[in-house]
Amino acid sequence: MSGRNRVEVPEARAALENFKFEVANEIGVPLRHGYNGDLTSYENGSVGGMMVKKMIAEQEKRMAGK
């Protein structure tokens, strides 16, 4: 599946990278820049899942006018 993980707004790439490391730090996943092959798929999935959860919560707040 080509382009599956592409950033739709290229200008947001740096912000998404920062967000990823922020979330990883919050949940205790030792994510580093570069190679992270020593992490489990559970740890990596936890970071992605929490990112999605936070993005949805933020959008719901915006849609509710808060």
PDB file of N, CA and C in Angstrom:
ATOM      1  N   MET A   1       0.842  -1.188   0.000  1.00  0.00           N
ATOM      2  CA  MET A   1       0.000   0.000   0.000  1.00  0.00           C
ATOM      3  C   MET A   1       0.877   1.237   0.000  1.00  0.00           C
ATOM      4  N   SER A   2       1.102   1.784  -1.108  1.00  0.00           N
ATOM      5  CA  SER A   2       1.944   2.959  -1.246  1.00  0.00           C
ATOM      6  C   SER A   2       1.275   4.195  -0.641  1.00  0.00           C
ATOM      7  N   GLY A   3       2.045   5.004   0.080  1.00  0.00           N
ATOM      8  CA  GLY A   3       1.528   6.245   0.629  1.00  0.00           C
ATOM      9  C   GLY A   3       0.647   6.083   1.849  1.00  0.00           C
ATOM     10  N   ARG A   4       0.644   4.923   2.436  1.00  0.00           N
ATOM     11  CA  ARG A   4      -0.243   4.648   3.558  1.00  0.00           C
ATOM     12  C   ARG A   4       0.021   5.557   4.753  1.00  0.00           C
ATOM     13  N   ASN A   5       1.281   5.864   5.000  1.00  0.00           N
ATOM     14  CA  ASN A   5       1.638   6.681   6.156  1.00  0.00           C
ATOM     15  C   ASN A   5       2.122   8.073   5.764  1.00  0.00           C
ATOM     16  N   ARG A   6       1.656   8.567   4.648  1.00  0.00           N
ATOM     17  CA  ARG A   6       2.139   9.873   4.212  1.00  0.00           C
ATOM     18  C   ARG A   6       1.456  10.987   5.009  1.00  0.00           C
ATOM     19  N   VAL A   7       2.145  12.095   5.113  1.00  0.00           N
ATOM     20  CA  VAL A   7       1.610  13.266   5.783  1.00  0.00           C
ATOM     21  C   VAL A   7       0.827  14.058   4.744  1.00  0.00           C
ATOM     22  N   GLU A   8      -0.434  14.308   5.006  1.00  0.00           N
ATOM     23  CA  GLU A   8      -1.291  15.001   4.042  1.00  0.00           C
ATOM     24  C   GLU A   8      -0.904  16.467   3.880  1.00  0.00           C
ATOM     25  N   VAL A   9      -0.411  17.083   4.957  1.00  0.00           N
ATOM     26  CA  VAL A   9       0.032  18.473   4.908  1.00  0.00           C
ATOM     27  C   VAL A   9       1.529  18.460   5.225  1.00  0.00           C
ATOM     28  N   PRO A  10       2.374  18.529   4.202  1.00  0.00           N
ATOM     29  CA  PRO A  10       3.818  18.405   4.419  1.00  0.00           C
ATOM     30  C   PRO A  10       4.376  19.366   5.473  1.00  0.00           C
ATOM     31  N   GLU A  11       3.783  20.539   5.592  1.00  0.00           N
ATOM     32  CA  GLU A  11       4.248  21.521   6.572  1.00  0.00           C
ATOM     33  C   GLU A  11       4.037  21.033   8.006  1.00  0.00           C
ATOM     34  N   ALA A  12       3.199  20.029   8.193  1.00  0.00           N
ATOM     35  CA  ALA A  12       2.897  19.517   9.531  1.00  0.00           C
ATOM     36  C   ALA A  12       3.836  18.387   9.954  1.00  0.00           C
ATOM     37  N   ARG A  13       4.725  17.966   9.086  1.00  0.00           N
ATOM     38  CA  ARG A  13       5.605  16.828   9.371  1.00  0.00           C
ATOM     39  C   ARG A  13       6.397  17.018  10.669  1.00  0.00           C
ATOM     40  N   ALA A  14       7.023  18.160  10.857  1.00  0.00           N
ATOM     41  CA  ALA A  14       7.831  18.402  12.061  1.00  0.00           C
ATOM     42  C   ALA A  14       6.965  18.383  13.314  1.00  0.00           C
ATOM     43  N   ALA A  15       5.777  18.975  13.233  1.00  0.00           N
ATOM     44  CA  ALA A  15       4.873  18.999  14.387  1.00  0.00           C
ATOM     45  C   ALA A  15       4.429  17.578  14.747  1.00  0.00           C
ATOM     46  N   LEU A  16       4.167  16.736  13.741  1.00  0.00           N
ATOM     47  CA  LEU A  16       3.772  15.358  14.002  1.00  0.00           C
ATOM     48  C   LEU A  16       4.918  14.558  14.624  1.00  0.00           C
ATOM     49  N   GLU A  17       6.135  14.806  14.169  1.00  0.00           N
ATOM     50  CA  GLU A  17       7.298  14.129  14.762  1.00  0.00           C
ATOM     51  C   GLU A  17       7.441  14.516  16.232  1.00  0.00           C
ATOM     52  N   ASN A  18       7.315  15.803  16.521  1.00  0.00           N
ATOM     53  CA  ASN A  18       7.402  16.262  17.914  1.00  0.00           C
ATOM     54  C   ASN A  18       6.291  15.657  18.753  1.00  0.00           C
ATOM     55  N   PHE A  19       5.096  15.613  18.194  1.00  0.00           N
ATOM     56  CA  PHE A  19       3.941  15.042  18.891  1.00  0.00           C
ATOM     57  C   PHE A  19       4.188  13.569  19.202  1.00  0.00           C
ATOM     58  N   LYS A  20       4.760  12.838  18.246  1.00  0.00           N
ATOM     59  CA  LYS A  20       5.039  11.419  18.427  1.00  0.00           C
ATOM     60  C   LYS A  20       5.985  11.202  19.612  1.00  0.00           C
ATOM     61  N   PHE A  21       7.043  11.996  19.691  1.00  0.00           N
ATOM     62  CA  PHE A  21       8.001  11.843  20.784  1.00  0.00           C
ATOM     63  C   PHE A  21       7.407  12.295  22.115  1.00  0.00           C
ATOM     64  N   GLU A  22       6.562  13.300  22.071  1.00  0.00           N
ATOM     65  CA  GLU A  22       5.868  13.768  23.278  1.00  0.00           C
ATOM     66  C   GLU A  22       4.964  12.658  23.835  1.00  0.00           C
ATOM     67  N   VAL A  23       4.194  12.027  22.972  1.00  0.00           N
ATOM     68  CA  VAL A  23       3.293  10.953  23.387  1.00  0.00           C
ATOM     69  C   VAL A  23       4.101   9.756  23.895  1.00  0.00           C
ATOM     70  N   ALA A  24       5.160   9.397  23.184  1.00  0.00           N
ATOM     71  CA  ALA A  24       5.989   8.268  23.606  1.00  0.00           C
ATOM     72  C   ALA A  24       6.551   8.517  25.005  1.00  0.00           C
ATOM     73  N   ASN A  25       6.997   9.730  25.247  1.00  0.00           N
ATOM     74  CA  ASN A  25       7.531  10.086  26.557  1.00  0.00           C
ATOM     75  C   ASN A  25       6.448   9.987  27.638  1.00  0.00           C
ATOM     76  N   GLU A  26       5.250  10.463  27.327  1.00  0.00           N
ATOM     77  CA  GLU A  26       4.132  10.420  28.276  1.00  0.00           C
ATOM     78  C   GLU A  26       3.788   8.995  28.701  1.00  0.00           C
ATOM     79  N   ILE A  27       3.830   8.066  27.762  1.00  0.00           N
ATOM     80  CA  ILE A  27       3.420   6.693  28.083  1.00  0.00           C
ATOM     81  C   ILE A  27       4.607   5.779  28.391  1.00  0.00           C
ATOM     82  N   GLY A  28       5.803   6.359  28.434  1.00  0.00           N
ATOM     83  CA  GLY A  28       6.973   5.599  28.859  1.00  0.00           C
ATOM     84  C   GLY A  28       7.597   4.689  27.820  1.00  0.00           C
ATOM     85  N   VAL A  29       7.401   5.016  26.548  1.00  0.00           N
ATOM     86  CA  VAL A  29       8.025   4.232  25.483  1.00  0.00           C
ATOM     87  C   VAL A  29       9.340   4.924  25.108  1.00  0.00           C
ATOM     88  N   PRO A  30      10.470   4.195  25.185  1.00  0.00           N
ATOM     89  CA  PRO A  30      11.783   4.804  24.919  1.00  0.00           C
ATOM     90  C   PRO A  30      12.064   5.000  23.427  1.00  0.00           C
ATOM     91  N   LEU A  31      11.282   5.834  22.786  1.00  0.00           N
ATOM     92  CA  LEU A  31      11.412   6.093  21.349  1.00  0.00           C
ATOM     93  C   LEU A  31      12.601   7.021  21.125  1.00  0.00           C
ATOM     94  N   ARG A  32      13.409   6.699  20.112  1.00  0.00           N
ATOM     95  CA  ARG A  32      14.572   7.511  19.768  1.00  0.00           C
ATOM     96  C   ARG A  32      14.484   7.919  18.299  1.00  0.00           C
ATOM     97  N   HIS A  33      15.220   8.961  17.951  1.00  0.00           N
ATOM     98  CA  HIS A  33      15.342   9.314  16.532  1.00  0.00           C
ATOM     99  C   HIS A  33      16.172   8.225  15.875  1.00  0.00           C
ATOM    100  N   GLY A  34      15.803   7.844  14.692  1.00  0.00           N
ATOM    101  CA  GLY A  34      16.529   6.797  13.993  1.00  0.00           C
ATOM    102  C   GLY A  34      15.904   5.434  14.219  1.00  0.00           C
ATOM    103  N   TYR A  35      16.753   4.436  14.340  1.00  0.00           N
ATOM    104  CA  TYR A  35      16.323   3.042  14.423  1.00  0.00           C
ATOM    105  C   TYR A  35      15.661   2.725  15.763  1.00  0.00           C
ATOM    106  N   ASN A  36      14.479   2.114  15.718  1.00  0.00           N
ATOM    107  CA  ASN A  36      13.750   1.705  16.918  1.00  0.00           C
ATOM    108  C   ASN A  36      13.308   0.250  16.818  1.00  0.00           C
ATOM    109  N   GLY A  37      14.083  -0.567  16.122  1.00  0.00           N
ATOM    110  CA  GLY A  37      13.741  -1.964  15.902  1.00  0.00           C
ATOM    111  C   GLY A  37      13.743  -2.810  17.152  1.00  0.00           C
ATOM    112  N   ASP A  38      14.319  -2.280  18.221  1.00  0.00           N
ATOM    113  CA  ASP A  38      14.338  -3.029  19.472  1.00  0.00           C
ATOM    114  C   ASP A  38      13.039  -2.876  20.260  1.00  0.00           C
ATOM    115  N   LEU A  39      12.166  -1.987  19.819  1.00  0.00           N
ATOM    116  CA  LEU A  39      10.882  -1.809  20.490  1.00  0.00           C
ATOM    117  C   LEU A  39       9.892  -2.857  19.990  1.00  0.00           C
ATOM    118  N   THR A  40       8.984  -3.233  20.847  1.00  0.00           N
ATOM    119  CA  THR A  40       7.977  -4.220  20.438  1.00  0.00           C
ATOM    120  C   THR A  40       6.898  -3.548  19.588  1.00  0.00           C
ATOM    121  N   SER A  41       6.168  -4.356  18.866  1.00  0.00           N
ATOM    122  CA  SER A  41       5.069  -3.809  18.071  1.00  0.00           C
ATOM    123  C   SER A  41       4.000  -3.252  19.005  1.00  0.00           C
ATOM    124  N   TYR A  42       3.860  -3.818  20.194  1.00  0.00           N
ATOM    125  CA  TYR A  42       2.914  -3.304  21.186  1.00  0.00           C
ATOM    126  C   TYR A  42       3.295  -1.883  21.591  1.00  0.00           C
ATOM    127  N   GLU A  43       4.597  -1.657  21.859  1.00  0.00           N
ATOM    128  CA  GLU A  43       5.052  -0.315  22.250  1.00  0.00           C
ATOM    129  C   GLU A  43       4.829   0.682  21.120  1.00  0.00           C
ATOM    130  N   ASN A  44       5.228   0.306  19.921  1.00  0.00           N
ATOM    131  CA  ASN A  44       5.038   1.199  18.777  1.00  0.00           C
ATOM    132  C   ASN A  44       3.564   1.466  18.519  1.00  0.00           C
ATOM    133  N   GLY A  45       2.751   0.433  18.613  1.00  0.00           N
ATOM    134  CA  GLY A  45       1.313   0.594  18.408  1.00  0.00           C
ATOM    135  C   GLY A  45       0.671   1.460  19.468  1.00  0.00           C
ATOM    136  N   SER A  46       1.197   1.384  20.686  1.00  0.00           N
ATOM    137  CA  SER A  46       0.674   2.215  21.773  1.00  0.00           C
ATOM    138  C   SER A  46       0.883   3.695  21.483  1.00  0.00           C
ATOM    139  N   VAL A  47       2.039   4.012  20.926  1.00  0.00           N
ATOM    140  CA  VAL A  47       2.334   5.416  20.587  1.00  0.00           C
ATOM    141  C   VAL A  47       1.358   5.897  19.515  1.00  0.00           C
ATOM    142  N   GLY A  48       1.225   5.131  18.438  1.00  0.00           N
ATOM    143  CA  GLY A  48       0.310   5.515  17.358  1.00  0.00           C
ATOM    144  C   GLY A  48      -1.129   5.599  17.826  1.00  0.00           C
ATOM    145  N   GLY A  49      -1.548   4.636  18.630  1.00  0.00           N
ATOM    146  CA  GLY A  49      -2.919   4.626  19.134  1.00  0.00           C
ATOM    147  C   GLY A  49      -3.222   5.828  20.021  1.00  0.00           C
ATOM    148  N   MET A  50      -2.255   6.169  20.880  1.00  0.00           N
ATOM    149  CA  MET A  50      -2.455   7.318  21.771  1.00  0.00           C
ATOM    150  C   MET A  50      -2.451   8.619  20.972  1.00  0.00           C
ATOM    151  N   MET A  51      -1.631   8.677  19.919  1.00  0.00           N
ATOM    152  CA  MET A  51      -1.634   9.875  19.071  1.00  0.00           C
ATOM    153  C   MET A  51      -3.017  10.073  18.452  1.00  0.00           C
ATOM    154  N   VAL A  52      -3.578   9.005  17.915  1.00  0.00           N
ATOM    155  CA  VAL A  52      -4.903   9.083  17.292  1.00  0.00           C
ATOM    156  C   VAL A  52      -5.943   9.484  18.328  1.00  0.00           C
ATOM    157  N   LYS A  53      -5.890   8.884  19.493  1.00  0.00           N
ATOM    158  CA  LYS A  53      -6.847   9.189  20.557  1.00  0.00           C
ATOM    159  C   LYS A  53      -6.795  10.675  20.927  1.00  0.00           C
ATOM    160  N   LYS A  54      -5.585  11.218  21.063  1.00  0.00           N
ATOM    161  CA  LYS A  54      -5.432  12.636  21.417  1.00  0.00           C
ATOM    162  C   LYS A  54      -5.895  13.553  20.280  1.00  0.00           C
ATOM    163  N   MET A  55      -5.595  13.167  19.040  1.00  0.00           N
ATOM    164  CA  MET A  55      -6.028  13.999  17.909  1.00  0.00           C
ATOM    165  C   MET A  55      -7.549  14.017  17.795  1.00  0.00           C
ATOM    166  N   ILE A  56      -8.190  12.875  18.018  1.00  0.00           N
ATOM    167  CA  ILE A  56      -9.650  12.825  17.964  1.00  0.00           C
ATOM    168  C   ILE A  56     -10.254  13.661  19.082  1.00  0.00           C
ATOM    169  N   ALA A  57      -9.701  13.552  20.286  1.00  0.00           N
ATOM    170  CA  ALA A  57     -10.214  14.334  21.419  1.00  0.00           C
ATOM    171  C   ALA A  57     -10.089  15.831  21.146  1.00  0.00           C
ATOM    172  N   GLU A  58      -8.962  16.236  20.569  1.00  0.00           N
ATOM    173  CA  GLU A  58      -8.762  17.661  20.257  1.00  0.00           C
ATOM    174  C   GLU A  58      -9.771  18.124  19.207  1.00  0.00           C
ATOM    175  N   GLN A  59      -9.999  17.317  18.194  1.00  0.00           N
ATOM    176  CA  GLN A  59     -10.958  17.691  17.155  1.00  0.00           C
ATOM    177  C   GLN A  59     -12.379  17.754  17.712  1.00  0.00           C
ATOM    178  N   GLU A  60     -12.724  16.824  18.593  1.00  0.00           N
ATOM    179  CA  GLU A  60     -14.054  16.861  19.211  1.00  0.00           C
ATOM    180  C   GLU A  60     -14.237  18.130  20.025  1.00  0.00           C
ATOM    181  N   LYS A  61     -13.205  18.565  20.726  1.00  0.00           N
ATOM    182  CA  LYS A  61     -13.272  19.824  21.484  1.00  0.00           C
ATOM    183  C   LYS A  61     -13.530  20.994  20.544  1.00  0.00           C
ATOM    184  N   ARG A  62     -12.778  21.006  19.430  1.00  0.00           N
ATOM    185  CA  ARG A  62     -12.950  22.094  18.459  1.00  0.00           C
ATOM    186  C   ARG A  62     -14.351  22.098  17.867  1.00  0.00           C
ATOM    187  N   MET A  63     -14.858  20.910  17.570  1.00  0.00           N
ATOM    188  CA  MET A  63     -16.192  20.820  16.980  1.00  0.00           C
ATOM    189  C   MET A  63     -17.272  21.224  17.982  1.00  0.00           C
ATOM    190  N   ALA A  64     -17.004  21.029  19.269  1.00  0.00           N
ATOM    191  CA  ALA A  64     -17.959  21.414  20.306  1.00  0.00           C
ATOM    192  C   ALA A  64     -17.859  22.906  20.640  1.00  0.00           C
ATOM    193  N   GLY A  65     -16.859  23.570  20.034  1.00  0.00           N
ATOM    194  CA  GLY A  65     -16.707  25.013  20.266  1.00  0.00           C
ATOM    195  C   GLY A  65     -15.944  25.366  21.514  1.00  0.00           C
ATOM    196  N   LYS A  66     -15.144  24.445  22.009  1.00  0.00           N
ATOM    197  CA  LYS A  66     -14.371  24.718  23.232  1.00  0.00           C
ATOM    198  C   LYS A  66     -12.946  25.039  22.893  1.00  0.00           C
TER     199      LYS A  66
END
